[in-house]
Amino acid sequence: MGKKLFVTVGTTKFNKLIEKINDNKTLKVLNKIGYSQLLLQIGNSTLEPNCNARCGFDKIDYYHLKSSIQDDIKWADLVISHAGAGSCLETLEHGKSLVVVTNELLMDNHQLELAEQLSNDHHLYHCTCDELLNTLETMDLNKLVPFDNDKSLKIARTIDKIMGFD
């Protein structure tokens, strides 16, 4: 059986990412690089993904929300996520490869800053929905640098300062 992909959009609506992932072109690219199982966490989206097995995928499934996505992150070989700090850090802390797709409609500056910094540090790949196919085709997950869990506390403190919680 091929590799497993988990996609999370958090609690918001990010239909553009769900549509992009569920598109046959994207599924073909993902299958070409070894993925055959897809699980989507679609948040508050009203969009119902096509879960028919196709394009080399044996299994495609989705759910809206659950109390924790930790088991889904652990299950996956690759996570494609929105730019929320919690999802990004939880994925990296579990040592999983990560592609962060920023939602240009909802994105806060701190989300973009965090995604760009973690990308600059080679912990993840960062793109927009329009850049996702190219990112998937050109990424080399072997070049990603493992995330030092001690960074999480520093990042959380930085986010707190940006948000005015400190």
Protein backbone atom coordinates (compact mmCIF):
# COMPACT_ATOMS: atom_id res chain seq x y z
CA MET A 1 0.00 0.00 0.00
CA GLY A 2 1.20 3.53 -0.79
CA LYS A 3 1.90 6.46 1.45
CA LYS A 4 -0.73 8.31 3.47
CA LEU A 5 -1.66 11.98 3.19
CA PHE A 6 -3.59 14.00 5.77
CA VAL A 7 -4.97 17.43 4.85
CA THR A 8 -6.25 19.80 7.55
CA VAL A 9 -7.93 23.19 7.23
CA GLY A 10 -8.63 23.74 10.93
CA THR A 11 -11.98 25.13 12.00
CA THR A 12 -12.36 27.61 9.16
CA LYS A 13 -13.65 27.25 5.62
CA PHE A 14 -10.82 26.75 3.14
CA ASN A 15 -12.76 25.45 0.15
CA LYS A 16 -10.03 26.44 -2.30
CA LEU A 17 -7.58 24.01 -0.68
CA ILE A 18 -10.14 21.22 -0.48
CA GLU A 19 -11.04 21.72 -4.15
CA LYS A 20 -7.36 21.79 -5.15
CA ILE A 21 -6.53 18.59 -3.25
CA ASN A 22 -9.63 16.79 -4.57
CA ASP A 23 -8.87 17.78 -8.17
CA ASN A 24 -7.81 14.88 -10.42
CA LYS A 25 -4.64 16.74 -11.51
CA THR A 26 -3.51 17.05 -7.90
CA LEU A 27 -4.42 13.46 -7.06
CA LYS A 28 -2.42 12.23 -10.07
CA VAL A 29 0.65 14.22 -8.96
CA LEU A 30 0.30 12.93 -5.40
CA ASN A 31 -0.09 9.35 -6.63
CA LYS A 32 2.95 9.75 -8.90
CA ILE A 33 5.04 10.60 -5.82
CA GLY A 34 3.72 7.58 -3.92
CA TYR A 35 0.51 8.53 -2.13
CA SER A 36 -2.56 6.29 -2.31
CA GLN A 37 -4.54 7.14 0.85
CA LEU A 38 -6.05 10.55 1.57
CA LEU A 39 -7.82 11.82 4.67
CA LEU A 40 -9.24 15.36 4.65
CA GLN A 41 -10.27 17.36 7.71
CA ILE A 42 -12.52 19.99 6.12
CA GLY A 43 -13.50 22.15 9.10
CA ASN A 44 -16.66 24.19 8.66
CA SER A 45 -16.71 23.78 4.91
CA THR A 46 -19.99 23.02 3.18
CA LEU A 47 -18.06 21.45 0.31
CA GLU A 48 -18.38 17.67 0.19
CA PRO A 49 -15.21 16.13 -1.30
CA ASN A 50 -15.48 13.39 -3.89
CA CYS A 51 -14.45 10.27 -2.00
CA ASN A 52 -14.52 7.87 -4.95
CA ALA A 53 -11.27 5.95 -5.22
CA ARG A 54 -9.56 7.30 -8.34
CA CYS A 55 -6.29 8.50 -9.85
CA GLY A 56 -4.40 5.68 -8.12
CA PHE A 57 -5.88 6.41 -4.69
CA ASP A 58 -7.24 3.35 -2.88
CA LYS A 59 -8.93 5.36 -0.17
CA ILE A 60 -10.22 8.93 0.09
CA ASP A 61 -12.15 9.96 3.20
CA TYR A 62 -13.05 13.12 5.10
CA TYR A 63 -14.57 14.51 8.27
CA HIS A 64 -15.46 18.01 9.44
CA LEU A 65 -14.08 18.40 12.96
CA LYS A 66 -12.95 16.29 15.90
CA SER A 67 -11.49 17.12 19.29
CA SER A 68 -7.94 16.16 18.28
CA ILE A 69 -6.20 15.54 14.97
CA GLN A 70 -3.13 14.05 16.65
CA ASP A 71 -3.89 10.47 15.58
CA ASP A 72 -4.41 11.60 11.98
CA ILE A 73 -1.08 13.43 12.00
CA LYS A 74 0.65 10.34 13.41
CA TRP A 75 -1.04 8.16 10.74
CA ALA A 76 0.16 10.33 7.85
CA ASP A 77 3.42 10.28 5.95
CA LEU A 78 2.77 13.83 4.73
CA VAL A 79 0.53 16.57 6.12
CA ILE A 80 -0.80 19.43 4.03
CA SER A 81 -2.12 22.10 6.38
CA HIS A 82 -3.52 25.59 6.62
CA ALA A 83 -1.14 28.09 8.21
CA GLY A 84 -2.53 27.89 11.76
CA ALA A 85 0.25 27.79 14.34
CA GLY A 86 -1.27 24.88 16.28
CA SER A 87 -1.55 22.57 13.28
CA CYS A 88 1.91 23.50 12.01
CA LEU A 89 3.68 23.01 15.32
CA GLU A 90 1.83 19.81 16.21
CA THR A 91 2.76 18.29 12.84
CA LEU A 92 6.41 19.29 13.14
CA GLU A 93 6.62 18.08 16.74
CA HIS A 94 5.52 14.64 15.52
CA GLY A 95 8.37 14.64 12.99
CA LYS A 96 6.06 14.66 9.97
CA SER A 97 6.76 16.22 6.59
CA LEU A 98 4.63 19.31 6.13
CA VAL A 99 3.40 21.53 3.32
CA VAL A 100 1.68 24.68 4.59
CA VAL A 101 -0.83 26.30 2.26
CA THR A 102 -1.74 29.84 3.23
CA ASN A 103 -5.34 30.94 2.88
CA GLU A 104 -4.97 34.39 1.39
CA LEU A 105 -8.56 35.28 2.39
CA LEU A 106 -8.19 34.52 6.10
CA MET A 107 -4.50 34.75 6.74
CA ASP A 108 -3.26 36.83 9.65
CA ASN A 109 0.20 38.33 9.41
CA HIS A 110 1.47 36.09 12.21
CA GLN A 111 0.43 32.99 10.24
CA LEU A 112 2.33 34.14 7.17
CA GLU A 113 5.34 35.13 9.26
CA LEU A 114 5.40 31.76 11.02
CA ALA A 115 5.03 29.78 7.77
CA GLU A 116 7.74 31.82 6.05
CA GLN A 117 10.15 31.50 8.99
CA LEU A 118 9.66 27.73 9.30
CA SER A 119 10.09 27.43 5.53
CA ASN A 120 13.25 29.57 5.61
CA ASP A 121 14.54 27.24 8.33
CA HIS A 122 13.79 24.28 5.99
CA HIS A 123 11.30 22.64 8.37
CA LEU A 124 8.44 22.73 5.86
CA TYR A 125 7.34 23.81 2.40
CA HIS A 126 5.11 26.86 2.14
CA CYS A 127 2.87 27.89 -0.78
CA THR A 128 -0.51 29.24 -1.82
CA CYS A 129 -3.26 27.13 -3.40
CA ASP A 130 -2.21 28.37 -6.83
CA GLU A 131 1.37 27.21 -6.18
CA LEU A 132 0.48 23.84 -4.62
CA LEU A 133 0.81 21.65 -7.72
CA ASN A 134 4.24 23.06 -8.51
CA THR A 135 5.30 22.65 -4.88
CA LEU A 136 4.22 19.00 -4.85
CA GLU A 137 6.01 18.31 -8.14
CA THR A 138 9.29 19.94 -7.09
CA MET A 139 9.54 19.35 -3.33
CA ASP A 140 12.20 17.07 -1.91
CA LEU A 141 11.04 15.98 1.53
CA ASN A 142 14.51 14.56 2.25
CA LYS A 143 15.84 18.13 2.35
CA LEU A 144 13.58 19.11 5.25
CA VAL A 145 15.36 19.69 8.55
CA PRO A 146 13.85 17.98 11.62
CA PHE A 147 12.13 20.40 13.95
CA ASP A 148 13.64 20.92 17.41
CA ASN A 149 10.73 20.62 19.85
CA ASP A 150 12.39 23.20 22.12
CA LYS A 151 11.54 25.78 19.45
CA SER A 152 7.81 25.37 20.11
CA LEU A 153 7.92 27.29 23.39
CA LYS A 154 9.93 30.11 21.83
CA ILE A 155 7.52 30.30 18.90
CA ALA A 156 4.50 30.29 21.21
CA ARG A 157 5.99 33.18 23.21
CA THR A 158 6.66 35.12 20.00
CA ILE A 159 3.09 34.58 18.81
CA ASP A 160 1.78 35.69 22.22
CA LYS A 161 3.78 38.92 21.91
CA ILE A 162 2.51 39.56 18.39
CA MET A 163 -1.06 38.94 19.52
CA GLY A 164 -0.62 41.17 22.59
CA PHE A 165 -1.09 38.37 25.13
CA ASP A 166 2.26 38.93 26.79
